[in-house]
């Protein structure tokens, strides 16, 4: 399920007491729930890793205990289950109508109570923050989205220094280029790099933004194993490449 209806007012009333981390955990848990269309992983430690909050197990456990119920299949929420069931029912009806040649004519009977629903519509059109169909223009960041993104950026970035300076620059850059897809790409690059790079080798977040470090060269390295060739991709800065080369030279010198 690629999108779901989000009522800002209802959500705000139910989550006013949450901390920033708890709010982030709840939103990510909902996204994962709708995206996979199945109950959440019962193991909290594994679940935290799936939503990229491994260092915040206590906050995640608090959200699960407050908003979800643990079953044999995993963590569930009645409202989400109800919406997933309704979506599945409509998608099935759309597929059946599609097999009959698309939208039925007025003389034909229609499964369920929605004659407008066709197989193509079951795939869902992505919606913007106002729940209206998107045009061909890039999705533009709203002030609320900007505030939420800056909070998520700060949590995701491994080296947290110069917060005020960093967030001022980030907000200015988002204002200049409000393409949501672009900034999601930046966050993905940070998460990818964090998996293979120690915190001490990260530049300050302000410099990362200033120099647009997410555009660093994508280096592909290969390794031979049992006669087969395996490729692995990881992002490396020029400094990291030079350091790796130096380590290799020193290692060879000691070997000989």
C-alpha atoms as a PDB file:
ATOM      1  CA  UNK A   1       0.000   0.000   0.000  1.00  0.00           C
ATOM      2  CA  UNK A   2       1.881   3.038  -1.294  1.00  0.00           C
ATOM      3  CA  UNK A   3      -0.110   5.736   0.518  1.00  0.00           C
ATOM      4  CA  UNK A   4      -2.637   6.062   3.251  1.00  0.00           C
ATOM      5  CA  UNK A   5      -5.008   8.792   4.403  1.00  0.00           C
ATOM      6  CA  UNK A   6      -3.480  10.861   7.184  1.00  0.00           C
ATOM      7  CA  UNK A   7      -5.699  13.083   9.341  1.00  0.00           C
ATOM      8  CA  UNK A   8      -3.408  15.736  10.823  1.00  0.00           C
ATOM      9  CA  UNK A   9      -5.944  16.899  13.420  1.00  0.00           C
ATOM     10  CA  UNK A  10      -6.701  13.432  14.806  1.00  0.00           C
ATOM     11  CA  UNK A  11      -3.017  12.532  14.900  1.00  0.00           C
ATOM     12  CA  UNK A  12      -2.080  15.743  16.732  1.00  0.00           C
ATOM     13  CA  UNK A  13      -4.753  15.197  19.398  1.00  0.00           C
ATOM     14  CA  UNK A  14      -3.552  11.653  20.059  1.00  0.00           C
ATOM     15  CA  UNK A  15       0.170  12.419  20.104  1.00  0.00           C
ATOM     16  CA  UNK A  16       0.542  15.837  21.763  1.00  0.00           C
ATOM     17  CA  UNK A  17       2.234  14.171  24.756  1.00  0.00           C
ATOM     18  CA  UNK A  18       4.906  12.366  22.716  1.00  0.00           C
ATOM     19  CA  UNK A  19       8.549  13.393  22.613  1.00  0.00           C
ATOM     20  CA  UNK A  20      10.222  14.065  19.272  1.00  0.00           C
ATOM     21  CA  UNK A  21      11.763  10.572  19.176  1.00  0.00           C
ATOM     22  CA  UNK A  22       8.495   8.891  20.166  1.00  0.00           C
ATOM     23  CA  UNK A  23       6.626  10.827  17.480  1.00  0.00           C
ATOM     24  CA  UNK A  24       9.238   9.829  14.882  1.00  0.00           C
ATOM     25  CA  UNK A  25       9.025   6.186  15.969  1.00  0.00           C
ATOM     26  CA  UNK A  26       5.224   6.189  15.702  1.00  0.00           C
ATOM     27  CA  UNK A  27       5.242   7.687  12.194  1.00  0.00           C
ATOM     28  CA  UNK A  28       7.849   5.213  10.979  1.00  0.00           C
ATOM     29  CA  UNK A  29       5.971   2.287  12.510  1.00  0.00           C
ATOM     30  CA  UNK A  30       2.799   3.366  10.703  1.00  0.00           C
ATOM     31  CA  UNK A  31       4.666   3.758   7.393  1.00  0.00           C
ATOM     32  CA  UNK A  32       6.185   0.280   7.760  1.00  0.00           C
ATOM     33  CA  UNK A  33       2.808  -1.214   8.707  1.00  0.00           C
ATOM     34  CA  UNK A  34       1.007   0.208   5.670  1.00  0.00           C
ATOM     35  CA  UNK A  35       3.880  -0.458   3.274  1.00  0.00           C
ATOM     36  CA  UNK A  36       4.204  -4.163   4.158  1.00  0.00           C
ATOM     37  CA  UNK A  37       0.445  -4.635   4.718  1.00  0.00           C
ATOM     38  CA  UNK A  38       1.102  -7.060   7.567  1.00  0.00           C
ATOM     39  CA  UNK A  39       1.566  -6.962  11.376  1.00  0.00           C
ATOM     40  CA  UNK A  40       4.797  -5.451  12.669  1.00  0.00           C
ATOM     41  CA  UNK A  41       7.748  -7.618  13.686  1.00  0.00           C
ATOM     42  CA  UNK A  42       7.142  -8.813  17.306  1.00  0.00           C
ATOM     43  CA  UNK A  43      10.843  -8.577  18.229  1.00  0.00           C
ATOM     44  CA  UNK A  44      11.317  -4.944  19.303  1.00  0.00           C
ATOM     45  CA  UNK A  45      15.066  -4.988  18.653  1.00  0.00           C
ATOM     46  CA  UNK A  46      14.597  -6.164  15.059  1.00  0.00           C
ATOM     47  CA  UNK A  47      11.711  -3.748  14.601  1.00  0.00           C
ATOM     48  CA  UNK A  48      13.854  -0.803  15.757  1.00  0.00           C
ATOM     49  CA  UNK A  49      16.439  -1.728  13.148  1.00  0.00           C
ATOM     50  CA  UNK A  50      13.769  -1.784  10.416  1.00  0.00           C
ATOM     51  CA  UNK A  51      12.690   1.778  11.264  1.00  0.00           C
ATOM     52  CA  UNK A  52      16.300   2.971  11.736  1.00  0.00           C
ATOM     53  CA  UNK A  53      15.944   3.689  15.469  1.00  0.00           C
ATOM     54  CA  UNK A  54      18.171   0.981  16.939  1.00  0.00           C
ATOM     55  CA  UNK A  55      19.409   3.304  19.693  1.00  0.00           C
ATOM     56  CA  UNK A  56      15.883   4.132  20.836  1.00  0.00           C
ATOM     57  CA  UNK A  57      14.369   0.790  21.864  1.00  0.00           C
ATOM     58  CA  UNK A  58      12.747   2.212  25.011  1.00  0.00           C
ATOM     59  CA  UNK A  59      10.881   4.926  23.101  1.00  0.00           C
ATOM     60  CA  UNK A  60       9.784   2.438  20.444  1.00  0.00           C
ATOM     61  CA  UNK A  61       8.578  -0.024  23.084  1.00  0.00           C
ATOM     62  CA  UNK A  62       6.580   2.782  24.734  1.00  0.00           C
ATOM     63  CA  UNK A  63       4.823   3.588  21.434  1.00  0.00           C
ATOM     64  CA  UNK A  64       4.077  -0.079  20.750  1.00  0.00           C
ATOM     65  CA  UNK A  65       2.601  -0.559  24.209  1.00  0.00           C
ATOM     66  CA  UNK A  66       0.452   2.562  23.925  1.00  0.00           C
ATOM     67  CA  UNK A  67      -0.835   2.377  20.345  1.00  0.00           C
ATOM     68  CA  UNK A  68      -0.526  -1.284  19.279  1.00  0.00           C
ATOM     69  CA  UNK A  69      -1.515  -4.750  20.497  1.00  0.00           C
ATOM     70  CA  UNK A  70       0.836  -7.731  20.450  1.00  0.00           C
ATOM     71  CA  UNK A  71      -0.575 -10.888  18.826  1.00  0.00           C
ATOM     72  CA  UNK A  72       0.905 -14.212  17.686  1.00  0.00           C
ATOM     73  CA  UNK A  73       1.473 -12.684  14.238  1.00  0.00           C
ATOM     74  CA  UNK A  74       3.038  -9.467  15.542  1.00  0.00           C
ATOM     75  CA  UNK A  75       2.054  -5.954  16.607  1.00  0.00           C
ATOM     76  CA  UNK A  76      -1.273  -4.760  15.162  1.00  0.00           C
ATOM     77  CA  UNK A  77      -3.534  -1.726  15.367  1.00  0.00           C
ATOM     78  CA  UNK A  78      -7.297  -1.983  14.787  1.00  0.00           C
ATOM     79  CA  UNK A  79      -7.551   1.172  12.677  1.00  0.00           C
ATOM     80  CA  UNK A  80      -4.709   0.148  10.361  1.00  0.00           C
ATOM     81  CA  UNK A  81      -6.092  -3.386  10.015  1.00  0.00           C
ATOM     82  CA  UNK A  82      -9.513  -1.970   9.113  1.00  0.00           C
ATOM     83  CA  UNK A  83      -8.054   0.253   6.374  1.00  0.00           C
ATOM     84  CA  UNK A  84      -5.883  -2.560   4.993  1.00  0.00           C
ATOM     85  CA  UNK A  85      -8.907  -4.860   4.821  1.00  0.00           C
ATOM     86  CA  UNK A  86     -10.952  -2.225   2.995  1.00  0.00           C
ATOM     87  CA  UNK A  87      -8.112  -1.588   0.544  1.00  0.00           C
ATOM     88  CA  UNK A  88      -7.669  -5.303  -0.134  1.00  0.00           C
ATOM     89  CA  UNK A  89     -11.394  -5.704  -0.791  1.00  0.00           C
ATOM     90  CA  UNK A  90     -11.451  -2.801  -3.263  1.00  0.00           C
ATOM     91  CA  UNK A  91      -8.300  -4.015  -5.018  1.00  0.00           C
ATOM     92  CA  UNK A  92      -9.828  -7.472  -5.470  1.00  0.00           C
ATOM     93  CA  UNK A  93     -13.010  -5.947  -6.930  1.00  0.00           C
ATOM     94  CA  UNK A  94     -10.923  -3.806  -9.282  1.00  0.00           C
ATOM     95  CA  UNK A  95      -8.995  -6.835 -10.539  1.00  0.00           C
ATOM     96  CA  UNK A  96     -12.229  -8.715 -11.156  1.00  0.00           C
ATOM     97  CA  UNK A  97     -13.651  -5.777 -13.102  1.00  0.00           C
ATOM     98  CA  UNK A  98     -10.419  -5.508 -15.065  1.00  0.00           C
ATOM     99  CA  UNK A  99     -10.682  -9.136 -16.162  1.00  0.00           C
ATOM    100  CA  UNK A 100     -14.138  -8.323 -17.532  1.00  0.00           C
ATOM    101  CA  UNK A 101     -12.757  -5.550 -19.718  1.00  0.00           C
ATOM    102  CA  UNK A 102     -12.397  -2.616 -17.357  1.00  0.00           C
ATOM    103  CA  UNK A 103     -15.109  -0.447 -15.910  1.00  0.00           C
ATOM    104  CA  UNK A 104     -18.507  -2.086 -16.445  1.00  0.00           C
ATOM    105  CA  UNK A 105     -21.194  -0.406 -18.526  1.00  0.00           C
ATOM    106  CA  UNK A 106     -24.334   0.820 -16.792  1.00  0.00           C
ATOM    107  CA  UNK A 107     -26.171  -2.350 -17.798  1.00  0.00           C
ATOM    108  CA  UNK A 108     -23.570  -4.523 -16.074  1.00  0.00           C
ATOM    109  CA  UNK A 109     -23.505  -5.345 -12.380  1.00  0.00           C
ATOM    110  CA  UNK A 110     -20.640  -3.998 -10.354  1.00  0.00           C
ATOM    111  CA  UNK A 111     -18.859  -5.840  -7.545  1.00  0.00           C
ATOM    112  CA  UNK A 112     -19.120  -4.053  -4.207  1.00  0.00           C
ATOM    113  CA  UNK A 113     -20.591  -0.550  -4.280  1.00  0.00           C
ATOM    114  CA  UNK A 114     -18.027   1.383  -6.285  1.00  0.00           C
ATOM    115  CA  UNK A 115     -18.588   1.407 -10.086  1.00  0.00           C
ATOM    116  CA  UNK A 116     -15.804   3.969 -10.503  1.00  0.00           C
ATOM    117  CA  UNK A 117     -13.080   1.711  -9.190  1.00  0.00           C
ATOM    118  CA  UNK A 118     -11.028  -0.007 -11.920  1.00  0.00           C
ATOM    119  CA  UNK A 119      -7.907  -2.076 -11.927  1.00  0.00           C
ATOM    120  CA  UNK A 120      -5.740   0.930 -12.690  1.00  0.00           C
ATOM    121  CA  UNK A 121      -7.187   2.874  -9.783  1.00  0.00           C
ATOM    122  CA  UNK A 122      -6.475   0.000  -7.407  1.00  0.00           C
ATOM    123  CA  UNK A 123      -2.779   0.664  -7.898  1.00  0.00           C
ATOM    124  CA  UNK A 124      -3.416   4.049  -6.242  1.00  0.00           C
ATOM    125  CA  UNK A 125      -2.302   7.460  -7.343  1.00  0.00           C
ATOM    126  CA  UNK A 126       0.299   8.964  -4.986  1.00  0.00           C
ATOM    127  CA  UNK A 127      -1.106  11.875  -3.006  1.00  0.00           C
ATOM    128  CA  UNK A 128       0.520  15.053  -1.772  1.00  0.00           C
ATOM    129  CA  UNK A 129       0.188  16.455   1.725  1.00  0.00           C
ATOM    130  CA  UNK A 130      -3.254  17.873   0.880  1.00  0.00           C
ATOM    131  CA  UNK A 131      -4.526  14.443  -0.246  1.00  0.00           C
ATOM    132  CA  UNK A 132      -5.006  15.584  -3.854  1.00  0.00           C
ATOM    133  CA  UNK A 133      -3.654  13.705  -6.924  1.00  0.00           C
ATOM    134  CA  UNK A 134      -0.165  14.804  -7.892  1.00  0.00           C
ATOM    135  CA  UNK A 135       0.575  16.580 -11.133  1.00  0.00           C
ATOM    136  CA  UNK A 136       3.773  15.993 -13.084  1.00  0.00           C
ATOM    137  CA  UNK A 137       5.484  18.674 -10.986  1.00  0.00           C
ATOM    138  CA  UNK A 138       7.817  17.536  -8.164  1.00  0.00           C
ATOM    139  CA  UNK A 139       6.208  17.310  -4.730  1.00  0.00           C
ATOM    140  CA  UNK A 140       7.036  20.578  -2.961  1.00  0.00           C
ATOM    141  CA  UNK A 141       7.969  20.735   0.729  1.00  0.00           C
ATOM    142  CA  UNK A 142       5.466  22.422   3.034  1.00  0.00           C
ATOM    143  CA  UNK A 143       6.550  24.314   6.186  1.00  0.00           C
ATOM    144  CA  UNK A 144       5.357  21.412   8.369  1.00  0.00           C
ATOM    145  CA  UNK A 145       7.212  18.873   6.227  1.00  0.00           C
ATOM    146  CA  UNK A 146      10.330  21.057   6.419  1.00  0.00           C
ATOM    147  CA  UNK A 147      10.254  21.133  10.232  1.00  0.00           C
ATOM    148  CA  UNK A 148       9.736  17.368  10.443  1.00  0.00           C
ATOM    149  CA  UNK A 149      12.503  16.714   7.920  1.00  0.00           C
ATOM    150  CA  UNK A 150      15.017  18.900   9.776  1.00  0.00           C
ATOM    151  CA  UNK A 151      14.308  16.968  12.980  1.00  0.00           C
ATOM    152  CA  UNK A 152      14.733  13.653  11.166  1.00  0.00           C
ATOM    153  CA  UNK A 153      17.938  14.873   9.455  1.00  0.00           C
ATOM    154  CA  UNK A 154      19.474  15.845  12.790  1.00  0.00           C
ATOM    155  CA  UNK A 155      18.627  12.478  14.348  1.00  0.00           C
ATOM    156  CA  UNK A 156      19.937  10.524  11.340  1.00  0.00           C
ATOM    157  CA  UNK A 157      23.255  12.393  10.976  1.00  0.00           C
ATOM    158  CA  UNK A 158      25.949  10.575  13.008  1.00  0.00           C
ATOM    159  CA  UNK A 159      28.089  13.592  13.952  1.00  0.00           C
ATOM    160  CA  UNK A 160      25.793  16.103  15.712  1.00  0.00           C
ATOM    161  CA  UNK A 161      27.700  19.396  16.023  1.00  0.00           C
ATOM    162  CA  UNK A 162      26.784  23.041  15.252  1.00  0.00           C
ATOM    163  CA  UNK A 163      23.057  22.286  15.397  1.00  0.00           C
ATOM    164  CA  UNK A 164      21.814  25.874  15.035  1.00  0.00           C
ATOM    165  CA  UNK A 165      24.133  26.665  12.128  1.00  0.00           C
ATOM    166  CA  UNK A 166      23.306  23.358  10.418  1.00  0.00           C
ATOM    167  CA  UNK A 167      19.539  23.722  10.645  1.00  0.00           C
ATOM    168  CA  UNK A 168      19.652  27.333   9.428  1.00  0.00           C
ATOM    169  CA  UNK A 169      21.576  26.210   6.348  1.00  0.00           C
ATOM    170  CA  UNK A 170      19.316  23.186   5.804  1.00  0.00           C
ATOM    171  CA  UNK A 171      16.155  25.300   5.973  1.00  0.00           C
ATOM    172  CA  UNK A 172      17.615  27.807   3.492  1.00  0.00           C
ATOM    173  CA  UNK A 173      18.559  25.000   1.101  1.00  0.00           C
ATOM    174  CA  UNK A 174      15.096  23.420   1.316  1.00  0.00           C
ATOM    175  CA  UNK A 175      13.529  26.822   0.658  1.00  0.00           C
ATOM    176  CA  UNK A 176      15.730  27.206  -2.425  1.00  0.00           C
ATOM    177  CA  UNK A 177      15.063  23.647  -3.618  1.00  0.00           C
ATOM    178  CA  UNK A 178      11.789  22.353  -2.082  1.00  0.00           C
ATOM    179  CA  UNK A 179      11.779  19.071  -4.029  1.00  0.00           C
ATOM    180  CA  UNK A 180      10.793  16.459  -1.422  1.00  0.00           C
ATOM    181  CA  UNK A 181      12.181  13.597  -3.502  1.00  0.00           C
ATOM    182  CA  UNK A 182      15.607  15.245  -3.591  1.00  0.00           C
ATOM    183  CA  UNK A 183      15.782  15.626   0.190  1.00  0.00           C
ATOM    184  CA  UNK A 184      14.625  12.057   0.758  1.00  0.00           C
ATOM    185  CA  UNK A 185      17.552  11.043  -1.473  1.00  0.00           C
ATOM    186  CA  UNK A 186      19.919  13.080   0.730  1.00  0.00           C
ATOM    187  CA  UNK A 187      18.641  11.300   3.849  1.00  0.00           C
ATOM    188  CA  UNK A 188      19.024   7.911   2.144  1.00  0.00           C
ATOM    189  CA  UNK A 189      22.636   8.767   1.286  1.00  0.00           C
ATOM    190  CA  UNK A 190      23.345   9.634   4.933  1.00  0.00           C
ATOM    191  CA  UNK A 191      21.829   6.365   6.173  1.00  0.00           C
ATOM    192  CA  UNK A 192      23.744   4.372   3.545  1.00  0.00           C
ATOM    193  CA  UNK A 193      27.048   6.024   4.409  1.00  0.00           C
ATOM    194  CA  UNK A 194      26.445   5.574   8.145  1.00  0.00           C
ATOM    195  CA  UNK A 195      26.283   1.804   7.621  1.00  0.00           C
ATOM    196  CA  UNK A 196      29.844   1.628   6.258  1.00  0.00           C
ATOM    197  CA  UNK A 197      31.587   4.654   7.791  1.00  0.00           C
ATOM    198  CA  UNK A 198      32.594   5.423  11.375  1.00  0.00           C
ATOM    199  CA  UNK A 199      31.247   8.652  12.884  1.00  0.00           C
ATOM    200  CA  UNK A 200      34.716  10.200  13.217  1.00  0.00           C
ATOM    201  CA  UNK A 201      35.113  10.180   9.427  1.00  0.00           C
ATOM    202  CA  UNK A 202      31.938  12.163   8.816  1.00  0.00           C
ATOM    203  CA  UNK A 203      32.322  15.895   8.140  1.00  0.00           C
ATOM    204  CA  UNK A 204      30.310  18.274  10.258  1.00  0.00           C
ATOM    205  CA  UNK A 205      26.647  18.335   9.164  1.00  0.00           C
ATOM    206  CA  UNK A 206      26.966  21.984   8.103  1.00  0.00           C
ATOM    207  CA  UNK A 207      29.904  21.142   5.841  1.00  0.00           C
ATOM    208  CA  UNK A 208      28.075  18.075   4.525  1.00  0.00           C
ATOM    209  CA  UNK A 209      25.263  20.353   3.371  1.00  0.00           C
ATOM    210  CA  UNK A 210      27.507  23.171   2.180  1.00  0.00           C
ATOM    211  CA  UNK A 211      29.635  20.896  -0.011  1.00  0.00           C
ATOM    212  CA  UNK A 212      26.669  18.693  -1.028  1.00  0.00           C
ATOM    213  CA  UNK A 213      28.579  15.605   0.069  1.00  0.00           C
ATOM    214  CA  UNK A 214      25.788  13.287  -1.035  1.00  0.00           C
ATOM    215  CA  UNK A 215      27.123  13.838  -4.557  1.00  0.00           C
ATOM    216  CA  UNK A 216      30.496  12.252  -3.688  1.00  0.00           C
ATOM    217  CA  UNK A 217      31.802   9.666  -6.112  1.00  0.00           C
ATOM    218  CA  UNK A 218      30.110   6.254  -5.933  1.00  0.00           C
ATOM    219  CA  UNK A 219      32.969   3.745  -5.807  1.00  0.00           C
ATOM    220  CA  UNK A 220      32.444   0.135  -6.879  1.00  0.00           C
ATOM    221  CA  UNK A 221      34.800  -2.490  -5.468  1.00  0.00           C
ATOM    222  CA  UNK A 222      34.929  -6.132  -6.419  1.00  0.00           C
ATOM    223  CA  UNK A 223      36.034  -9.248  -4.599  1.00  0.00           C
ATOM    224  CA  UNK A 224      36.673 -12.710  -5.973  1.00  0.00           C
ATOM    225  CA  UNK A 225      35.303 -15.628  -4.004  1.00  0.00           C
ATOM    226  CA  UNK A 226      35.367 -19.306  -5.096  1.00  0.00           C
ATOM    227  CA  UNK A 227      36.027 -18.310  -8.685  1.00  0.00           C
ATOM    228  CA  UNK A 228      33.009 -15.994  -8.835  1.00  0.00           C
ATOM    229  CA  UNK A 229      33.070 -12.185  -8.926  1.00  0.00           C
ATOM    230  CA  UNK A 230      30.990 -10.295  -6.353  1.00  0.00           C
ATOM    231  CA  UNK A 231      30.432  -6.519  -6.484  1.00  0.00           C
ATOM    232  CA  UNK A 232      29.667  -4.246  -3.544  1.00  0.00           C
ATOM    233  CA  UNK A 233      28.793  -0.564  -3.768  1.00  0.00           C
ATOM    234  CA  UNK A 234      29.522   2.053  -1.117  1.00  0.00           C
ATOM    235  CA  UNK A 235      29.918   5.842  -1.114  1.00  0.00           C
ATOM    236  CA  UNK A 236      33.428   7.085  -0.338  1.00  0.00           C
ATOM    237  CA  UNK A 237      34.868  10.605  -0.234  1.00  0.00           C
ATOM    238  CA  UNK A 238      38.197  11.369  -1.874  1.00  0.00           C
ATOM    239  CA  UNK A 239      39.758  11.529   1.597  1.00  0.00           C
ATOM    240  CA  UNK A 240      38.505   8.019   2.375  1.00  0.00           C
ATOM    241  CA  UNK A 241      39.899   6.708  -0.916  1.00  0.00           C
ATOM    242  CA  UNK A 242      43.347   8.198  -0.159  1.00  0.00           C
ATOM    243  CA  UNK A 243      43.236   6.776   3.381  1.00  0.00           C
ATOM    244  CA  UNK A 244      42.378   3.300   2.080  1.00  0.00           C
ATOM    245  CA  UNK A 245      45.257   3.459  -0.384  1.00  0.00           C
ATOM    246  CA  UNK A 246      47.665   4.541   2.364  1.00  0.00           C
ATOM    247  CA  UNK A 247      46.538   1.699   4.634  1.00  0.00           C
ATOM    248  CA  UNK A 248      47.099  -0.766   1.807  1.00  0.00           C
ATOM    249  CA  UNK A 249      50.667   0.514   1.173  1.00  0.00           C
ATOM    250  CA  UNK A 250      51.569   0.370   4.889  1.00  0.00           C
ATOM    251  CA  UNK A 251      50.140  -3.151   5.176  1.00  0.00           C
ATOM    252  CA  UNK A 252      52.217  -4.378   2.213  1.00  0.00           C
ATOM    253  CA  UNK A 253      55.382  -2.785   3.674  1.00  0.00           C
ATOM    254  CA  UNK A 254      55.006  -4.612   6.984  1.00  0.00           C
ATOM    255  CA  UNK A 255      54.211  -7.870   5.194  1.00  0.00           C
ATOM    256  CA  UNK A 256      57.495  -7.757   3.302  1.00  0.00           C
END
